[in-house]
N, C-alpha and C. Protein backbone atom coordinates (compact mmCIF):
# COMPACT_ATOMS: atom_id res chain seq x y z
N UNK A 1 -9.74 -2.89 -3.87
CA UNK A 1 -8.78 -1.88 -4.26
C UNK A 1 -7.42 -2.33 -3.80
N UNK A 2 -6.46 -2.22 -4.67
CA UNK A 2 -5.12 -2.64 -4.35
C UNK A 2 -4.24 -1.45 -4.00
N UNK A 3 -3.94 -1.31 -2.73
CA UNK A 3 -3.03 -0.26 -2.30
C UNK A 3 -1.66 -0.52 -2.91
N UNK A 4 -1.26 -1.76 -2.91
CA UNK A 4 0.05 -2.16 -3.43
C UNK A 4 0.26 -1.67 -4.86
N UNK A 5 -0.65 -2.03 -5.75
CA UNK A 5 -0.50 -1.63 -7.15
C UNK A 5 -0.70 -0.14 -7.33
N UNK A 6 -1.57 0.47 -6.55
CA UNK A 6 -1.77 1.91 -6.65
C UNK A 6 -0.48 2.66 -6.31
N UNK A 7 0.19 2.25 -5.24
CA UNK A 7 1.44 2.91 -4.86
C UNK A 7 2.50 2.69 -5.92
N UNK A 8 2.55 1.49 -6.48
CA UNK A 8 3.53 1.22 -7.55
C UNK A 8 3.25 2.12 -8.76
N UNK A 9 1.98 2.27 -9.11
CA UNK A 9 1.64 3.11 -10.27
C UNK A 9 2.05 4.56 -10.03
N UNK A 10 1.90 5.05 -8.81
CA UNK A 10 2.33 6.41 -8.51
C UNK A 10 3.85 6.51 -8.53
N UNK A 11 4.52 5.53 -7.93
CA UNK A 11 5.98 5.53 -7.91
C UNK A 11 6.57 5.41 -9.31
N UNK A 12 5.81 4.88 -10.24
CA UNK A 12 6.28 4.80 -11.63
C UNK A 12 6.46 6.20 -12.22
N UNK A 13 5.84 7.20 -11.59
CA UNK A 13 5.98 8.59 -12.05
C UNK A 13 7.24 9.25 -11.50
N UNK A 14 7.79 8.69 -10.42
CA UNK A 14 9.00 9.23 -9.82
C UNK A 14 9.10 8.88 -8.36
N UNK A 15 10.29 9.01 -7.75
CA UNK A 15 10.48 8.68 -6.34
C UNK A 15 9.60 9.53 -5.43
N UNK A 16 9.11 8.91 -4.36
CA UNK A 16 8.26 9.60 -3.39
C UNK A 16 8.57 9.06 -2.00
N UNK A 17 8.25 9.86 -0.98
CA UNK A 17 8.30 9.38 0.39
C UNK A 17 6.87 9.09 0.84
N UNK A 18 6.72 8.45 2.00
CA UNK A 18 5.42 7.94 2.44
C UNK A 18 4.28 8.95 2.45
N UNK A 19 4.46 10.07 3.14
CA UNK A 19 3.40 11.07 3.19
C UNK A 19 3.10 11.66 1.81
N UNK A 20 4.13 11.74 0.99
CA UNK A 20 3.93 12.23 -0.38
C UNK A 20 3.06 11.24 -1.16
N UNK A 21 3.31 9.95 -0.97
CA UNK A 21 2.48 8.93 -1.63
C UNK A 21 1.02 9.04 -1.17
N UNK A 22 0.84 9.25 0.12
CA UNK A 22 -0.52 9.42 0.65
C UNK A 22 -1.21 10.61 -0.01
N UNK A 23 -0.49 11.71 -0.10
CA UNK A 23 -1.04 12.92 -0.72
C UNK A 23 -1.36 12.69 -2.20
N UNK A 24 -0.46 12.03 -2.90
CA UNK A 24 -0.68 11.74 -4.33
C UNK A 24 -1.87 10.80 -4.52
N UNK A 25 -2.00 9.80 -3.65
CA UNK A 25 -3.13 8.89 -3.74
C UNK A 25 -4.43 9.66 -3.53
N UNK A 26 -4.45 10.54 -2.51
CA UNK A 26 -5.64 11.36 -2.25
C UNK A 26 -5.99 12.22 -3.45
N UNK A 27 -4.98 12.87 -4.02
CA UNK A 27 -5.22 13.74 -5.18
C UNK A 27 -5.81 12.95 -6.36
N UNK A 28 -5.32 11.74 -6.54
CA UNK A 28 -5.69 10.95 -7.71
C UNK A 28 -6.98 10.15 -7.52
N UNK A 29 -7.51 10.13 -6.30
CA UNK A 29 -8.77 9.43 -6.04
C UNK A 29 -9.83 10.37 -5.50
N UNK A 30 -9.56 11.66 -5.56
CA UNK A 30 -10.53 12.64 -5.08
C UNK A 30 -10.77 12.56 -3.59
N UNK A 31 -9.79 12.07 -2.84
CA UNK A 31 -9.89 11.92 -1.38
C UNK A 31 -11.10 11.09 -0.97
N UNK A 32 -11.48 10.14 -1.80
CA UNK A 32 -12.65 9.31 -1.51
C UNK A 32 -12.28 8.02 -0.80
N UNK A 33 -11.00 7.68 -0.74
CA UNK A 33 -10.55 6.46 -0.09
C UNK A 33 -9.35 6.80 0.78
N UNK A 34 -9.59 7.28 1.98
CA UNK A 34 -8.47 7.72 2.82
C UNK A 34 -7.57 6.55 3.20
N UNK A 35 -6.28 6.74 3.02
CA UNK A 35 -5.30 5.74 3.41
C UNK A 35 -4.59 6.20 4.68
N UNK A 36 -4.40 5.31 5.58
CA UNK A 36 -3.64 5.55 6.79
C UNK A 36 -2.16 5.53 6.40
N UNK A 37 -1.39 6.49 6.86
CA UNK A 37 0.02 6.55 6.49
C UNK A 37 0.78 5.31 6.97
N UNK A 38 0.32 4.72 8.08
CA UNK A 38 0.93 3.47 8.54
C UNK A 38 0.73 2.35 7.53
N UNK A 39 -0.43 2.33 6.90
CA UNK A 39 -0.72 1.34 5.86
C UNK A 39 0.23 1.54 4.68
N UNK A 40 0.50 2.79 4.36
CA UNK A 40 1.41 3.08 3.25
C UNK A 40 2.81 2.58 3.56
N UNK A 41 3.31 2.88 4.77
CA UNK A 41 4.66 2.45 5.12
C UNK A 41 4.74 0.92 5.23
N UNK A 42 3.70 0.27 5.75
CA UNK A 42 3.69 -1.20 5.78
C UNK A 42 3.73 -1.77 4.37
N UNK A 43 2.97 -1.16 3.47
CA UNK A 43 2.96 -1.63 2.09
C UNK A 43 4.32 -1.39 1.44
N UNK A 44 4.92 -0.23 1.70
CA UNK A 44 6.26 0.04 1.15
C UNK A 44 7.28 -0.98 1.65
N UNK A 45 7.19 -1.36 2.91
CA UNK A 45 8.10 -2.38 3.45
C UNK A 45 7.93 -3.70 2.70
N UNK A 46 6.68 -4.10 2.45
CA UNK A 46 6.44 -5.35 1.71
C UNK A 46 6.91 -5.23 0.26
N UNK A 47 6.67 -4.07 -0.35
CA UNK A 47 7.13 -3.86 -1.73
C UNK A 47 8.65 -3.93 -1.80
N UNK A 48 9.31 -3.39 -0.80
CA UNK A 48 10.78 -3.45 -0.77
C UNK A 48 11.23 -4.90 -0.58
N UNK A 49 10.60 -5.60 0.34
CA UNK A 49 10.92 -7.01 0.59
C UNK A 49 10.77 -7.83 -0.69
N UNK A 50 9.74 -7.52 -1.48
CA UNK A 50 9.45 -8.27 -2.71
C UNK A 50 10.26 -7.78 -3.90
N UNK A 51 11.14 -6.80 -3.69
CA UNK A 51 12.00 -6.32 -4.77
C UNK A 51 11.31 -5.42 -5.78
N UNK A 52 10.17 -4.82 -5.39
CA UNK A 52 9.42 -3.99 -6.32
C UNK A 52 9.74 -2.51 -6.16
N UNK A 53 10.28 -2.14 -5.01
CA UNK A 53 10.77 -0.77 -4.77
C UNK A 53 12.10 -0.88 -4.03
N UNK A 54 12.86 0.20 -4.11
CA UNK A 54 14.09 0.27 -3.33
C UNK A 54 14.05 1.56 -2.50
N UNK A 55 14.66 1.47 -1.33
CA UNK A 55 14.68 2.59 -0.40
C UNK A 55 15.92 3.42 -0.68
N UNK A 56 15.72 4.72 -0.80
CA UNK A 56 16.84 5.63 -0.99
C UNK A 56 17.29 6.22 0.33
N UNK A 57 18.22 7.10 0.24
CA UNK A 57 18.72 7.79 1.44
C UNK A 57 17.73 8.88 1.84
N UNK A 58 17.83 9.30 3.09
CA UNK A 58 16.97 10.38 3.58
C UNK A 58 17.49 11.72 3.07
N UNK A 59 16.56 12.63 2.77
CA UNK A 59 16.96 13.98 2.34
C UNK A 59 17.22 14.85 3.57
N UNK A 60 17.46 16.13 3.36
CA UNK A 60 17.80 17.03 4.46
C UNK A 60 16.64 17.20 5.46
N UNK A 61 15.42 16.84 5.06
CA UNK A 61 14.25 16.94 5.95
C UNK A 61 13.93 15.60 6.61
N UNK A 62 14.72 14.58 6.32
CA UNK A 62 14.50 13.26 6.89
C UNK A 62 13.54 12.39 6.11
N UNK A 63 13.10 12.85 4.94
CA UNK A 63 12.20 12.05 4.11
C UNK A 63 12.99 10.96 3.39
N UNK A 64 12.54 9.73 3.53
CA UNK A 64 13.16 8.61 2.84
C UNK A 64 12.35 8.37 1.56
N UNK A 65 13.01 8.52 0.43
CA UNK A 65 12.34 8.34 -0.86
C UNK A 65 12.42 6.88 -1.30
N UNK A 66 11.33 6.41 -1.88
CA UNK A 66 11.28 5.06 -2.44
C UNK A 66 11.22 5.19 -3.96
N UNK A 67 11.97 4.30 -4.62
CA UNK A 67 11.98 4.27 -6.08
C UNK A 67 11.46 2.93 -6.54
N UNK A 68 10.76 2.94 -7.65
CA UNK A 68 10.24 1.70 -8.22
C UNK A 68 11.38 0.98 -8.94
N UNK A 69 11.37 -0.34 -8.87
CA UNK A 69 12.35 -1.15 -9.61
C UNK A 69 11.74 -1.57 -10.94
N UNK A 70 12.53 -2.19 -11.78
CA UNK A 70 11.99 -2.68 -13.05
C UNK A 70 10.87 -3.69 -12.82
N UNK A 71 11.04 -4.55 -11.81
CA UNK A 71 9.99 -5.54 -11.50
C UNK A 71 8.72 -4.83 -11.02
N UNK A 72 8.89 -3.78 -10.21
CA UNK A 72 7.74 -3.01 -9.74
C UNK A 72 7.03 -2.31 -10.88
N UNK A 73 7.82 -1.75 -11.79
CA UNK A 73 7.26 -1.07 -12.97
C UNK A 73 6.44 -2.07 -13.81
N UNK A 74 6.97 -3.27 -13.97
CA UNK A 74 6.25 -4.29 -14.75
C UNK A 74 4.94 -4.67 -14.06
N UNK A 75 4.97 -4.80 -12.72
CA UNK A 75 3.74 -5.15 -11.99
C UNK A 75 2.71 -4.03 -12.09
N UNK A 76 3.14 -2.78 -11.96
CA UNK A 76 2.22 -1.65 -12.06
C UNK A 76 1.58 -1.60 -13.43
N UNK A 77 2.37 -1.75 -14.45
CA UNK A 77 1.83 -1.69 -15.82
C UNK A 77 0.93 -2.87 -16.12
N UNK A 78 1.26 -4.03 -15.60
CA UNK A 78 0.40 -5.20 -15.77
C UNK A 78 -0.95 -4.97 -15.10
N UNK A 79 -0.92 -4.40 -13.88
CA UNK A 79 -2.16 -4.12 -13.16
C UNK A 79 -3.02 -3.12 -13.93
N UNK A 80 -2.39 -2.06 -14.43
CA UNK A 80 -3.15 -1.03 -15.16
C UNK A 80 -3.73 -1.55 -16.46
N UNK A 81 -3.08 -2.51 -17.08
CA UNK A 81 -3.55 -2.99 -18.38
C UNK A 81 -4.46 -4.21 -18.27
N UNK A 82 -4.67 -4.73 -17.07
CA UNK A 82 -5.50 -5.92 -16.89
C UNK A 82 -6.84 -5.56 -16.27
N UNK A 83 -7.92 -6.22 -16.71
CA UNK A 83 -9.22 -5.97 -16.09
C UNK A 83 -9.24 -6.53 -14.66
N UNK A 84 -10.07 -5.94 -13.83
CA UNK A 84 -10.27 -6.42 -12.45
C UNK A 84 -11.30 -7.53 -12.50
N UNK A 85 -10.98 -8.68 -11.92
CA UNK A 85 -11.93 -9.78 -11.84
C UNK A 85 -12.70 -9.63 -10.54
N UNK A 86 -13.88 -9.05 -10.62
CA UNK A 86 -14.66 -8.77 -9.41
C UNK A 86 -15.15 -10.05 -8.73
N UNK A 87 -15.14 -11.16 -9.45
CA UNK A 87 -15.54 -12.43 -8.85
C UNK A 87 -14.51 -12.94 -7.86
N UNK A 88 -13.30 -12.43 -7.91
CA UNK A 88 -12.24 -12.89 -7.03
C UNK A 88 -11.94 -11.92 -5.90
N UNK A 89 -12.80 -10.92 -5.71
CA UNK A 89 -12.55 -9.94 -4.66
C UNK A 89 -12.93 -10.50 -3.30
N UNK A 90 -12.69 -9.74 -2.28
CA UNK A 90 -12.99 -10.12 -0.91
C UNK A 90 -14.48 -10.44 -0.78
N UNK A 91 -14.79 -11.35 0.12
CA UNK A 91 -16.19 -11.72 0.34
C UNK A 91 -17.04 -10.48 0.62
N UNK A 92 -18.26 -10.49 0.14
CA UNK A 92 -19.19 -9.39 0.36
C UNK A 92 -19.87 -9.59 1.70
N UNK A 93 -19.48 -8.79 2.69
CA UNK A 93 -20.00 -8.95 4.05
C UNK A 93 -21.52 -8.82 4.09
N UNK A 94 -22.08 -7.89 3.32
CA UNK A 94 -23.52 -7.69 3.34
C UNK A 94 -24.25 -8.92 2.80
N UNK A 95 -23.77 -9.48 1.70
CA UNK A 95 -24.42 -10.67 1.13
C UNK A 95 -24.36 -11.84 2.11
N UNK A 96 -23.20 -12.02 2.75
CA UNK A 96 -23.06 -13.10 3.73
C UNK A 96 -23.99 -12.86 4.93
N UNK A 97 -24.03 -11.63 5.41
CA UNK A 97 -24.89 -11.30 6.55
C UNK A 97 -26.35 -11.59 6.23
N UNK A 98 -26.79 -11.19 5.04
CA UNK A 98 -28.19 -11.40 4.66
C UNK A 98 -28.50 -12.89 4.47
N UNK A 99 -27.57 -13.64 3.87
CA UNK A 99 -27.77 -15.08 3.70
C UNK A 99 -27.91 -15.76 5.05
N UNK A 100 -27.08 -15.37 6.01
CA UNK A 100 -27.18 -15.93 7.35
C UNK A 100 -28.49 -15.51 8.02
N UNK A 101 -28.83 -14.24 7.93
CA UNK A 101 -30.07 -13.75 8.55
C UNK A 101 -31.29 -14.48 8.01
N UNK A 102 -31.29 -14.76 6.71
CA UNK A 102 -32.43 -15.41 6.08
C UNK A 102 -32.57 -16.87 6.50
N UNK A 103 -31.48 -17.49 6.95
CA UNK A 103 -31.53 -18.91 7.26
C UNK A 103 -31.40 -19.23 8.75
N UNK A 104 -31.19 -18.22 9.60
CA UNK A 104 -31.07 -18.44 11.04
C UNK A 104 -32.44 -18.33 11.70
N UNK A 105 -32.82 -19.35 12.48
CA UNK A 105 -34.09 -19.27 13.19
C UNK A 105 -34.10 -18.07 14.15
N UNK A 106 -35.23 -17.38 14.19
CA UNK A 106 -35.40 -16.28 15.12
C UNK A 106 -34.87 -14.94 14.65
N UNK A 107 -34.31 -14.88 13.45
CA UNK A 107 -33.80 -13.61 12.93
C UNK A 107 -34.80 -13.07 11.92
N UNK A 108 -35.16 -11.82 12.05
CA UNK A 108 -36.09 -11.18 11.12
C UNK A 108 -35.28 -10.62 9.94
N UNK A 109 -35.12 -11.43 8.91
CA UNK A 109 -34.32 -11.03 7.75
C UNK A 109 -34.90 -9.81 7.06
N UNK A 110 -36.22 -9.67 7.06
CA UNK A 110 -36.84 -8.49 6.44
C UNK A 110 -36.40 -7.22 7.17
N UNK A 111 -36.28 -7.29 8.49
CA UNK A 111 -35.83 -6.12 9.27
C UNK A 111 -34.36 -5.83 8.98
N UNK A 112 -33.56 -6.86 8.79
CA UNK A 112 -32.15 -6.68 8.43
C UNK A 112 -32.06 -5.96 7.09
N UNK A 113 -32.86 -6.40 6.14
CA UNK A 113 -32.87 -5.77 4.82
C UNK A 113 -33.32 -4.32 4.92
N UNK A 114 -34.38 -4.07 5.67
CA UNK A 114 -34.92 -2.71 5.78
C UNK A 114 -33.90 -1.76 6.42
N UNK A 115 -33.22 -2.21 7.47
CA UNK A 115 -32.22 -1.37 8.13
C UNK A 115 -31.08 -1.04 7.16
N UNK A 116 -30.63 -2.05 6.41
CA UNK A 116 -29.55 -1.81 5.46
C UNK A 116 -30.02 -0.92 4.32
N UNK A 117 -31.25 -1.11 3.87
CA UNK A 117 -31.78 -0.29 2.77
C UNK A 117 -31.83 1.18 3.18
N UNK A 118 -32.28 1.45 4.40
CA UNK A 118 -32.32 2.83 4.88
C UNK A 118 -30.92 3.44 4.88
N UNK A 119 -29.93 2.68 5.36
CA UNK A 119 -28.55 3.18 5.38
C UNK A 119 -28.02 3.36 3.96
N UNK A 120 -28.35 2.45 3.06
CA UNK A 120 -27.87 2.53 1.68
C UNK A 120 -28.49 3.71 0.94
N UNK A 121 -29.77 3.95 1.16
CA UNK A 121 -30.44 5.09 0.53
C UNK A 121 -29.86 6.40 1.08
N UNK A 122 -29.59 6.45 2.37
CA UNK A 122 -29.00 7.66 2.96
C UNK A 122 -27.62 7.91 2.35
N UNK A 123 -26.83 6.85 2.20
CA UNK A 123 -25.49 7.00 1.58
C UNK A 123 -25.62 7.47 0.14
N UNK A 124 -26.56 6.90 -0.59
CA UNK A 124 -26.78 7.29 -1.98
C UNK A 124 -27.16 8.77 -2.06
N UNK A 125 -28.04 9.22 -1.18
CA UNK A 125 -28.44 10.62 -1.18
C UNK A 125 -27.26 11.54 -0.85
N UNK A 126 -26.42 11.11 0.07
CA UNK A 126 -25.23 11.89 0.41
C UNK A 126 -24.30 12.00 -0.79
N UNK A 127 -24.10 10.87 -1.46
CA UNK A 127 -23.22 10.87 -2.64
C UNK A 127 -23.80 11.74 -3.76
N UNK A 128 -25.10 11.63 -3.98
CA UNK A 128 -25.73 12.42 -5.04
C UNK A 128 -25.70 13.91 -4.71
N UNK A 129 -25.69 14.22 -3.42
CA UNK A 129 -25.65 15.61 -3.01
C UNK A 129 -24.24 16.19 -2.98
N UNK A 130 -23.26 15.38 -3.35
CA UNK A 130 -21.86 15.83 -3.31
C UNK A 130 -21.58 16.90 -4.35
N UNK A 131 -22.52 17.13 -5.26
CA UNK A 131 -22.35 18.20 -6.24
C UNK A 131 -21.24 17.95 -7.24
N UNK A 132 -21.30 16.82 -7.88
CA UNK A 132 -20.29 16.49 -8.89
C UNK A 132 -20.44 17.40 -10.11
N UNK A 133 -19.37 18.04 -10.54
CA UNK A 133 -19.45 18.87 -11.74
C UNK A 133 -19.61 17.98 -12.98
N UNK A 134 -20.43 18.43 -13.92
CA UNK A 134 -20.60 17.69 -15.17
C UNK A 134 -19.32 17.71 -15.99
N UNK A 135 -18.62 18.82 -15.92
CA UNK A 135 -17.39 18.96 -16.68
C UNK A 135 -16.26 19.25 -15.70
N UNK A 136 -15.56 18.20 -15.30
CA UNK A 136 -14.47 18.35 -14.33
C UNK A 136 -13.36 19.16 -14.97
N UNK A 137 -13.05 20.30 -14.37
CA UNK A 137 -12.07 21.21 -14.96
C UNK A 137 -10.63 20.85 -14.66
N UNK A 138 -10.36 20.31 -13.48
CA UNK A 138 -8.98 19.99 -13.13
C UNK A 138 -8.82 18.47 -13.07
N UNK A 139 -7.58 17.99 -13.12
CA UNK A 139 -7.38 16.53 -12.98
C UNK A 139 -7.92 16.00 -11.66
N UNK A 140 -7.78 16.78 -10.58
CA UNK A 140 -8.29 16.34 -9.29
C UNK A 140 -9.82 16.24 -9.31
N UNK A 141 -10.50 17.21 -9.95
CA UNK A 141 -11.97 17.16 -10.06
C UNK A 141 -12.40 15.96 -10.89
N UNK A 142 -11.67 15.67 -11.96
CA UNK A 142 -11.99 14.50 -12.78
C UNK A 142 -11.83 13.22 -11.97
N UNK A 143 -10.72 13.11 -11.24
CA UNK A 143 -10.49 11.91 -10.42
C UNK A 143 -11.62 11.72 -9.42
N UNK A 144 -11.99 12.79 -8.72
CA UNK A 144 -13.07 12.69 -7.74
C UNK A 144 -14.38 12.32 -8.41
N UNK A 145 -14.69 12.94 -9.55
CA UNK A 145 -15.94 12.65 -10.25
C UNK A 145 -16.01 11.18 -10.65
N UNK A 146 -14.91 10.63 -11.16
CA UNK A 146 -14.90 9.23 -11.57
C UNK A 146 -15.16 8.30 -10.39
N UNK A 147 -14.51 8.56 -9.26
CA UNK A 147 -14.68 7.70 -8.10
C UNK A 147 -16.08 7.86 -7.50
N UNK A 148 -16.57 9.08 -7.39
CA UNK A 148 -17.90 9.30 -6.81
C UNK A 148 -18.97 8.70 -7.73
N UNK A 149 -18.81 8.83 -9.04
CA UNK A 149 -19.76 8.19 -9.97
C UNK A 149 -19.83 6.68 -9.75
N UNK A 150 -18.68 6.05 -9.56
CA UNK A 150 -18.64 4.61 -9.30
C UNK A 150 -19.33 4.28 -7.98
N UNK A 151 -19.11 5.12 -6.97
CA UNK A 151 -19.74 4.90 -5.67
C UNK A 151 -21.26 5.05 -5.76
N UNK A 152 -21.73 6.02 -6.55
CA UNK A 152 -23.17 6.21 -6.75
C UNK A 152 -23.77 4.99 -7.44
N UNK A 153 -23.11 4.52 -8.49
CA UNK A 153 -23.62 3.34 -9.20
C UNK A 153 -23.67 2.12 -8.28
N UNK A 154 -22.64 1.94 -7.46
CA UNK A 154 -22.61 0.81 -6.52
C UNK A 154 -23.73 0.93 -5.49
N UNK A 155 -23.97 2.14 -4.99
CA UNK A 155 -25.04 2.35 -4.01
C UNK A 155 -26.41 2.09 -4.65
N UNK A 156 -26.60 2.55 -5.88
CA UNK A 156 -27.87 2.29 -6.59
C UNK A 156 -28.07 0.79 -6.78
N UNK A 157 -27.01 0.09 -7.16
CA UNK A 157 -27.09 -1.36 -7.36
C UNK A 157 -27.40 -2.07 -6.04
N UNK A 158 -26.80 -1.59 -4.95
CA UNK A 158 -27.07 -2.21 -3.65
C UNK A 158 -28.53 -2.06 -3.27
N UNK A 159 -29.11 -0.89 -3.49
CA UNK A 159 -30.53 -0.67 -3.18
C UNK A 159 -31.40 -1.60 -4.04
N UNK A 160 -31.07 -1.71 -5.32
CA UNK A 160 -31.84 -2.62 -6.19
C UNK A 160 -31.72 -4.07 -5.70
N UNK A 161 -30.51 -4.48 -5.32
CA UNK A 161 -30.30 -5.83 -4.83
C UNK A 161 -31.09 -6.07 -3.55
N UNK A 162 -31.09 -5.11 -2.64
CA UNK A 162 -31.85 -5.25 -1.39
C UNK A 162 -33.35 -5.36 -1.68
N UNK A 163 -33.84 -4.59 -2.64
CA UNK A 163 -35.26 -4.68 -3.01
C UNK A 163 -35.59 -6.07 -3.57
N UNK A 164 -34.68 -6.61 -4.38
CA UNK A 164 -34.88 -7.96 -4.92
C UNK A 164 -34.84 -9.01 -3.82
N UNK A 165 -33.94 -8.84 -2.87
CA UNK A 165 -33.85 -9.78 -1.75
C UNK A 165 -35.12 -9.73 -0.92
N UNK A 166 -35.66 -8.54 -0.70
CA UNK A 166 -36.92 -8.41 0.05
C UNK A 166 -38.05 -9.12 -0.68
N UNK A 167 -38.09 -9.00 -2.00
CA UNK A 167 -39.12 -9.69 -2.78
C UNK A 167 -38.97 -11.21 -2.67
N UNK A 168 -37.74 -11.70 -2.72
CA UNK A 168 -37.51 -13.14 -2.57
C UNK A 168 -38.03 -13.65 -1.23
N UNK A 169 -37.74 -12.91 -0.17
CA UNK A 169 -38.20 -13.34 1.15
C UNK A 169 -39.71 -13.26 1.26
N UNK A 170 -40.32 -12.23 0.67
CA UNK A 170 -41.77 -12.06 0.73
C UNK A 170 -42.49 -13.18 -0.02
N UNK A 171 -41.84 -13.78 -1.02
CA UNK A 171 -42.45 -14.85 -1.80
C UNK A 171 -42.62 -16.13 -0.97
N UNK A 172 -41.86 -16.25 0.11
CA UNK A 172 -41.97 -17.42 0.99
C UNK A 172 -42.15 -16.91 2.43
N UNK A 173 -43.36 -16.54 2.77
CA UNK A 173 -43.60 -15.95 4.10
C UNK A 173 -43.34 -16.96 5.22
N UNK A 174 -43.24 -16.41 6.39
CA UNK A 174 -43.02 -17.25 7.56
C UNK A 174 -41.55 -17.61 7.72
N UNK A 175 -41.32 -18.81 8.13
CA UNK A 175 -39.96 -19.27 8.44
C UNK A 175 -39.49 -20.29 7.39
N UNK A 176 -39.91 -20.12 6.15
CA UNK A 176 -39.63 -21.10 5.11
C UNK A 176 -38.15 -21.29 4.82
N UNK A 177 -37.32 -20.33 5.15
CA UNK A 177 -35.91 -20.43 4.82
C UNK A 177 -35.03 -20.87 5.98
N UNK A 178 -35.59 -20.95 7.17
CA UNK A 178 -34.78 -21.26 8.33
C UNK A 178 -34.14 -22.64 8.22
N UNK A 179 -32.90 -22.70 8.65
CA UNK A 179 -32.18 -23.97 8.68
C UNK A 179 -31.79 -24.28 10.12
N UNK A 180 -32.16 -25.47 10.58
CA UNK A 180 -31.70 -25.91 11.89
C UNK A 180 -30.27 -26.41 11.73
N UNK A 181 -29.56 -26.51 12.83
CA UNK A 181 -28.22 -27.08 12.76
C UNK A 181 -28.31 -28.50 12.23
N UNK A 182 -27.40 -28.86 11.37
CA UNK A 182 -27.39 -30.19 10.78
C UNK A 182 -26.96 -31.22 11.82
N UNK A 183 -27.60 -32.37 11.81
CA UNK A 183 -27.20 -33.44 12.74
C UNK A 183 -26.01 -34.21 12.17
N UNK A 184 -25.75 -34.03 10.90
CA UNK A 184 -24.59 -34.70 10.28
C UNK A 184 -23.32 -33.98 10.71
N UNK A 185 -22.41 -34.73 11.24
CA UNK A 185 -21.17 -34.15 11.74
C UNK A 185 -20.11 -34.13 10.64
N UNK A 186 -19.41 -33.02 10.52
CA UNK A 186 -18.31 -32.98 9.56
C UNK A 186 -17.24 -34.00 9.93
N UNK A 187 -16.52 -34.50 8.95
CA UNK A 187 -15.49 -35.51 9.19
C UNK A 187 -14.28 -34.94 9.92
N UNK A 188 -14.01 -33.69 9.66
CA UNK A 188 -12.84 -33.08 10.29
C UNK A 188 -13.29 -32.22 11.46
N UNK A 189 -12.41 -32.00 12.35
CA UNK A 189 -12.71 -31.16 13.49
C UNK A 189 -11.72 -31.42 14.60
N UNK A 190 -11.85 -30.71 15.65
CA UNK A 190 -10.97 -30.88 16.79
C UNK A 190 -11.33 -32.16 17.52
N UNK A 191 -10.36 -33.05 17.74
CA UNK A 191 -10.67 -34.31 18.43
C UNK A 191 -11.05 -34.07 19.89
N UNK A 192 -11.82 -34.95 20.42
CA UNK A 192 -12.24 -34.86 21.81
C UNK A 192 -11.02 -34.96 22.72
N UNK A 193 -11.05 -34.24 23.80
CA UNK A 193 -9.94 -34.30 24.76
C UNK A 193 -9.93 -35.67 25.42
N UNK A 194 -8.73 -36.21 25.61
CA UNK A 194 -8.65 -37.54 26.24
C UNK A 194 -8.29 -37.46 27.68
């Protein structure tokens, strides 16, 4: 999720101050992805540095409004009109953890999978119990329904993936996947102290 582009897209609607941006982000995502106000102000500082927003004067309440620039507007619109390449997102910590667990001697990868599956099923049940309306009446209800639906689908996919991983491990019982440290030394590294 790009906080940067999300804030630009909101600012494209009109000038806002930091807490207002946080509130607008919450409204538009159904409060499913809480943003720290410090994160918002740090992002605004970077957006200003990059020429995508400009800082206005403070109002009578001390709120400093930020306005989107033409370059910021172009970036927001480009982000909204472009598909997300999920192959280029941040590394999947769970997949990396499971790959390591499956190949490290002495680690019970099946137990790692089972613990994660229990947590994933519990999360899925919590999400399903959130009581999503079939017909979202307000824009805020629609926003929340869209985000929660995506979270439910992701949780269902994670449970399916964990079940498949368990089957893969069961197909090779014992320690068939364990890797010992390689005796081949990488060419690069920290030189020995002299």
